[in-house]
């Protein structure tokens, strides 16, 4: 087991007149190597939740375990936790601050006290994994495009060799090509390294395409938790809380309502294409 959350609650401004509960009795288990999408409307608690997972925020009540160890026990090494549970914030280019890309990626592993040779080897490996080769090493982070800045920020986390990678809206503001490049690389890394990946996203298409499990947050609670097919089957309830489903779900449901014998469980474009072609084949046979 990678991460276990037991009855976690958190309130902003606790004990004041402005107290607001952001997490309300959350319990969740995330196995090692799973690719999980976390979705919810603005203010649902998803960003607050992920900042608890590497100790940036401390729960008002409840327990969080990483590999069976209580991260709130006295003497627990939070620094070691943050090297194992890497968090890339929304607009991660704001995390870039060194004079050049290579120095920026070296910053994390250097702070782990690793020898210089190991630090540089990790930086090269991480930059290669996100598609930023040697020509980018000495560039200022501020010379990079939006997508390249995201890759550099992710490389800075990967160089720490995390077991868990948490991405908070990593494709916000990117064009479709940049978005696909970032998420394709994350998906490849997840398979290659066997990392646990948590993807916070507003894009139903992205989570349908990449993740194996979706956790839906609503008003500080978990509303749904399951495979994309199971979660998006509740598309009407998702609409009620300001979300929805991928466009493919609506297209297939619309066809089915018109009497077209199509499988409505498909969530990705590829699955929808196959479902429609299969239905056309059955209709032609008839």
Protein backbone atom coordinates (compact mmCIF):
# COMPACT_ATOMS: atom_id res chain seq x y z
CA UNK A 1 0.00 0.00 0.00
CA UNK A 2 1.34 3.41 -0.97
CA UNK A 3 -0.98 5.94 0.73
CA UNK A 4 -3.78 5.41 3.22
CA UNK A 5 -6.01 8.23 4.49
CA UNK A 6 -8.25 7.59 7.49
CA UNK A 7 -11.08 9.96 8.48
CA UNK A 8 -9.15 13.11 7.54
CA UNK A 9 -10.82 16.48 8.04
CA UNK A 10 -9.37 19.94 7.59
CA UNK A 11 -10.73 23.43 8.21
CA UNK A 12 -9.29 26.77 7.14
CA UNK A 13 -9.33 29.45 9.82
CA UNK A 14 -10.05 26.86 12.50
CA UNK A 15 -11.37 28.41 15.70
CA UNK A 16 -12.19 31.75 14.07
CA UNK A 17 -15.38 33.34 12.80
CA UNK A 18 -14.19 32.57 9.25
CA UNK A 19 -13.73 28.83 9.78
CA UNK A 20 -14.50 26.80 6.66
CA UNK A 21 -14.34 23.02 6.39
CA UNK A 22 -12.41 22.01 3.28
CA UNK A 23 -12.13 18.24 3.93
CA UNK A 24 -14.84 16.33 5.73
CA UNK A 25 -14.04 12.81 7.00
CA UNK A 26 -12.05 11.60 3.98
CA UNK A 27 -10.96 7.96 3.88
CA UNK A 28 -9.05 6.68 0.86
CA UNK A 29 -6.47 4.04 -0.07
CA UNK A 30 -4.15 4.45 -3.07
CA UNK A 31 -2.09 1.37 -3.98
CA UNK A 32 1.46 1.63 -5.28
CA UNK A 33 1.61 2.04 -9.06
CA UNK A 34 -1.96 3.21 -9.60
CA UNK A 35 -2.83 6.12 -11.93
CA UNK A 36 -5.61 8.06 -10.22
CA UNK A 37 -7.56 11.08 -11.42
CA UNK A 38 -8.99 13.50 -8.85
CA UNK A 39 -11.76 15.74 -10.15
CA UNK A 40 -14.15 18.23 -8.62
CA UNK A 41 -15.46 21.74 -9.07
CA UNK A 42 -13.50 24.72 -7.76
CA UNK A 43 -13.60 24.65 -3.96
CA UNK A 44 -14.43 20.93 -3.76
CA UNK A 45 -11.31 20.17 -1.69
CA UNK A 46 -9.16 18.37 -4.24
CA UNK A 47 -6.14 20.71 -4.04
CA UNK A 48 -6.37 20.79 -0.24
CA UNK A 49 -6.42 16.99 -0.19
CA UNK A 50 -3.28 16.52 -2.27
CA UNK A 51 -1.30 19.01 -0.16
CA UNK A 52 -1.91 16.72 2.83
CA UNK A 53 -0.27 13.77 1.11
CA UNK A 54 3.30 15.04 1.46
CA UNK A 55 2.78 16.94 4.69
CA UNK A 56 2.52 20.47 3.29
CA UNK A 57 -0.76 20.76 5.21
CA UNK A 58 -1.63 18.96 8.43
CA UNK A 59 -5.07 17.49 8.99
CA UNK A 60 -7.28 18.96 11.68
CA UNK A 61 -8.19 15.36 12.53
CA UNK A 62 -7.53 11.90 11.14
CA UNK A 63 -4.47 9.91 10.06
CA UNK A 64 -2.36 9.61 6.91
CA UNK A 65 -0.05 6.65 6.32
CA UNK A 66 2.73 6.30 3.74
CA UNK A 67 3.81 2.68 3.31
CA UNK A 68 2.17 1.87 6.64
CA UNK A 69 3.89 4.64 8.63
CA UNK A 70 1.86 7.38 10.31
CA UNK A 71 3.25 10.64 8.89
CA UNK A 72 2.00 12.51 11.97
CA UNK A 73 3.89 10.43 14.52
CA UNK A 74 6.52 12.24 16.55
CA UNK A 75 9.90 12.21 14.83
CA UNK A 76 8.58 11.26 11.39
CA UNK A 77 10.94 12.47 8.65
CA UNK A 78 8.84 14.90 6.60
CA UNK A 79 11.83 15.79 4.43
CA UNK A 80 12.18 12.17 3.35
CA UNK A 81 8.43 12.00 2.70
CA UNK A 82 8.58 15.02 0.39
CA UNK A 83 11.38 13.41 -1.61
CA UNK A 84 9.19 10.33 -2.10
CA UNK A 85 5.87 12.11 -2.67
CA UNK A 86 6.52 14.80 -5.28
CA UNK A 87 3.96 17.54 -5.84
CA UNK A 88 3.88 19.64 -9.01
CA UNK A 89 1.62 22.64 -8.46
CA UNK A 90 -0.75 24.23 -10.94
CA UNK A 91 1.34 26.54 -13.15
CA UNK A 92 4.53 24.73 -12.04
CA UNK A 93 6.71 27.20 -13.91
CA UNK A 94 6.36 29.31 -10.75
CA UNK A 95 8.54 26.64 -9.11
CA UNK A 96 11.42 27.44 -11.49
CA UNK A 97 13.92 29.90 -10.05
CA UNK A 98 17.52 28.95 -10.95
CA UNK A 99 19.60 30.66 -13.64
CA UNK A 100 19.31 27.76 -16.06
CA UNK A 101 17.24 24.61 -16.56
CA UNK A 102 19.96 22.15 -15.56
CA UNK A 103 20.70 23.97 -12.28
CA UNK A 104 17.00 24.06 -11.48
CA UNK A 105 16.59 20.31 -11.91
CA UNK A 106 19.72 19.71 -9.81
CA UNK A 107 18.30 21.68 -6.88
CA UNK A 108 16.15 18.90 -5.37
CA UNK A 109 18.62 16.01 -5.47
CA UNK A 110 21.41 18.31 -4.27
CA UNK A 111 19.30 19.09 -1.19
CA UNK A 112 19.11 15.36 -0.51
CA UNK A 113 22.85 15.48 0.17
CA UNK A 114 23.77 13.34 -2.82
CA UNK A 115 27.30 13.52 -4.32
CA UNK A 116 27.64 15.94 -7.27
CA UNK A 117 28.04 13.10 -9.80
CA UNK A 118 24.76 11.52 -8.69
CA UNK A 119 22.97 14.88 -8.69
CA UNK A 120 24.01 15.60 -12.27
CA UNK A 121 23.23 12.06 -13.44
CA UNK A 122 19.72 12.33 -12.00
CA UNK A 123 19.18 15.73 -13.62
CA UNK A 124 20.23 14.42 -17.04
CA UNK A 125 18.01 11.36 -16.67
CA UNK A 126 14.99 13.42 -15.60
CA UNK A 127 15.39 15.99 -18.38
CA UNK A 128 15.73 13.20 -20.92
CA UNK A 129 12.55 11.58 -19.59
CA UNK A 130 10.54 14.75 -20.16
CA UNK A 131 12.03 15.38 -23.61
CA UNK A 132 14.38 18.26 -22.77
CA UNK A 133 17.82 17.27 -24.09
CA UNK A 134 21.19 18.97 -23.82
CA UNK A 135 20.30 22.03 -25.95
CA UNK A 136 17.99 23.10 -23.11
CA UNK A 137 20.41 22.62 -20.21
CA UNK A 138 21.87 26.14 -20.15
CA UNK A 139 18.71 27.97 -21.17
CA UNK A 140 17.01 30.24 -18.68
CA UNK A 141 13.69 28.67 -17.58
CA UNK A 142 12.06 31.92 -18.68
CA UNK A 143 13.16 31.37 -22.30
CA UNK A 144 11.08 28.20 -22.52
CA UNK A 145 7.57 27.85 -23.89
CA UNK A 146 4.71 27.12 -21.51
CA UNK A 147 4.82 23.39 -22.20
CA UNK A 148 8.61 23.27 -21.84
CA UNK A 149 8.38 25.06 -18.47
CA UNK A 150 5.93 22.40 -17.28
CA UNK A 151 8.34 19.67 -18.40
CA UNK A 152 11.25 21.34 -16.61
CA UNK A 153 9.24 21.62 -13.39
CA UNK A 154 8.21 17.95 -13.63
CA UNK A 155 11.85 16.99 -14.29
CA UNK A 156 12.82 18.76 -11.05
CA UNK A 157 10.48 16.45 -9.16
CA UNK A 158 11.48 13.32 -11.11
CA UNK A 159 15.14 13.93 -10.27
CA UNK A 160 14.22 13.27 -6.63
CA UNK A 161 13.18 9.71 -7.71
CA UNK A 162 9.72 9.96 -6.15
CA UNK A 163 7.51 6.94 -5.63
CA UNK A 164 4.40 9.11 -5.92
CA UNK A 165 3.94 11.94 -8.43
CA UNK A 166 1.08 14.38 -7.78
CA UNK A 167 0.15 16.78 -10.59
CA UNK A 168 -2.24 19.66 -9.88
CA UNK A 169 -3.74 20.78 -13.20
CA UNK A 170 -0.42 20.27 -15.06
CA UNK A 171 -1.91 21.22 -18.44
CA UNK A 172 -3.74 24.42 -17.42
CA UNK A 173 -3.35 27.09 -20.09
CA UNK A 174 -1.65 24.80 -22.63
CA UNK A 175 -2.84 24.22 -26.18
CA UNK A 176 -4.13 20.70 -27.08
CA UNK A 177 -0.78 19.59 -28.47
CA UNK A 178 1.12 20.74 -25.38
CA UNK A 179 -1.44 19.09 -23.13
CA UNK A 180 -1.17 15.76 -24.94
CA UNK A 181 2.64 15.85 -24.90
CA UNK A 182 2.77 16.42 -21.14
CA UNK A 183 0.23 13.73 -20.29
CA UNK A 184 1.63 11.20 -22.77
CA UNK A 185 5.03 11.58 -21.09
CA UNK A 186 3.55 11.25 -17.61
CA UNK A 187 1.67 8.10 -18.65
CA UNK A 188 4.84 6.60 -20.16
CA UNK A 189 6.82 7.39 -17.00
CA UNK A 190 4.12 5.88 -14.82
CA UNK A 191 4.35 2.59 -16.71
CA UNK A 192 8.14 2.63 -16.98
CA UNK A 193 8.83 3.41 -13.32
CA UNK A 194 5.74 1.87 -11.74
CA UNK A 195 5.07 5.19 -10.01
CA UNK A 196 1.85 6.09 -8.31
CA UNK A 197 0.42 9.11 -10.15
CA UNK A 198 -2.35 11.40 -8.94
CA UNK A 199 -3.68 13.75 -11.61
CA UNK A 200 -5.90 16.65 -10.54
CA UNK A 201 -7.74 17.91 -13.61
CA UNK A 202 -10.83 19.77 -14.80
CA UNK A 203 -10.69 17.94 -18.14
CA UNK A 204 -13.00 14.94 -18.24
CA UNK A 205 -11.43 13.89 -21.56
CA UNK A 206 -7.95 13.79 -19.98
CA UNK A 207 -8.94 11.67 -17.00
CA UNK A 208 -10.98 9.33 -19.20
CA UNK A 209 -8.01 8.78 -21.49
CA UNK A 210 -5.19 8.36 -18.98
CA UNK A 211 -6.29 7.21 -15.53
CA UNK A 212 -7.49 3.85 -14.28
CA UNK A 213 -9.44 5.21 -11.33
CA UNK A 214 -11.31 8.45 -10.65
CA UNK A 215 -12.02 10.04 -7.27
CA UNK A 216 -14.72 12.72 -7.42
CA UNK A 217 -14.61 15.41 -4.73
CA UNK A 218 -17.65 17.45 -3.79
CA UNK A 219 -17.91 19.89 -0.88
CA UNK A 220 -14.95 18.32 0.93
CA UNK A 221 -16.22 14.75 0.59
CA UNK A 222 -15.67 11.86 -1.82
CA UNK A 223 -18.77 11.61 -4.00
CA UNK A 224 -17.66 8.81 -6.35
CA UNK A 225 -14.65 6.50 -6.52
CA UNK A 226 -14.21 3.93 -9.27
CA UNK A 227 -13.12 3.21 -12.83
CA UNK A 228 -13.80 5.91 -15.46
CA UNK A 229 -16.62 3.82 -16.92
CA UNK A 230 -18.35 3.45 -13.55
CA UNK A 231 -17.88 7.07 -12.55
CA UNK A 232 -19.01 8.57 -15.86
CA UNK A 233 -22.10 6.36 -15.83
CA UNK A 234 -23.25 8.89 -13.18
CA UNK A 235 -22.96 11.77 -15.64
CA UNK A 236 -26.29 13.26 -14.56
CA UNK A 237 -25.18 13.42 -10.92
CA UNK A 238 -21.82 14.82 -12.03
CA UNK A 239 -23.65 17.60 -13.87
CA UNK A 240 -25.49 18.46 -10.66
CA UNK A 241 -22.17 19.22 -8.92
CA UNK A 242 -20.77 21.30 -11.77
CA UNK A 243 -18.85 18.60 -13.64
CA UNK A 244 -20.00 16.30 -16.41
CA UNK A 245 -18.57 13.55 -18.57
CA UNK A 246 -16.41 13.35 -21.70
CA UNK A 247 -18.23 14.42 -24.87
CA UNK A 248 -18.06 10.83 -26.11
CA UNK A 249 -20.43 9.78 -23.32
CA UNK A 250 -23.06 12.29 -24.45
CA UNK A 251 -22.66 11.35 -28.11
CA UNK A 252 -23.11 7.64 -27.43
CA UNK A 253 -26.02 8.17 -25.05
CA UNK A 254 -27.68 10.38 -27.67
CA UNK A 255 -27.27 7.69 -30.33
CA UNK A 256 -28.70 5.04 -27.99
CA UNK A 257 -31.71 7.22 -27.22
CA UNK A 258 -32.37 7.45 -30.98
CA UNK A 259 -32.42 3.65 -31.16
CA UNK A 260 -28.89 3.12 -32.46
CA UNK A 261 -27.57 -0.17 -30.90
CA UNK A 262 -24.33 1.25 -29.56
CA UNK A 263 -22.38 0.38 -26.40
CA UNK A 264 -22.75 3.44 -24.14
CA UNK A 265 -19.94 2.48 -21.72
CA UNK A 266 -17.15 3.86 -23.92
CA UNK A 267 -15.40 6.95 -22.48
CA UNK A 268 -12.43 7.68 -24.77
CA UNK A 269 -12.54 8.75 -28.41
CA UNK A 270 -10.94 5.46 -29.46
CA UNK A 271 -13.49 3.41 -27.52
CA UNK A 272 -16.36 5.46 -28.94
CA UNK A 273 -15.06 4.95 -32.49
CA UNK A 274 -14.88 1.19 -31.97
CA UNK A 275 -18.35 1.11 -30.38
CA UNK A 276 -19.88 2.97 -33.33
CA UNK A 277 -18.09 0.82 -35.91
CA UNK A 278 -19.22 -2.33 -34.12
CA UNK A 279 -22.82 -1.08 -34.04
CA UNK A 280 -22.65 -0.23 -37.74
CA UNK A 281 -21.35 -3.72 -38.45
CA UNK A 282 -24.21 -5.30 -36.52
CA UNK A 283 -26.74 -3.08 -38.31
CA UNK A 284 -25.27 -3.99 -41.74
CA UNK A 285 -25.50 -7.68 -40.89
CA UNK A 286 -29.14 -7.26 -39.93
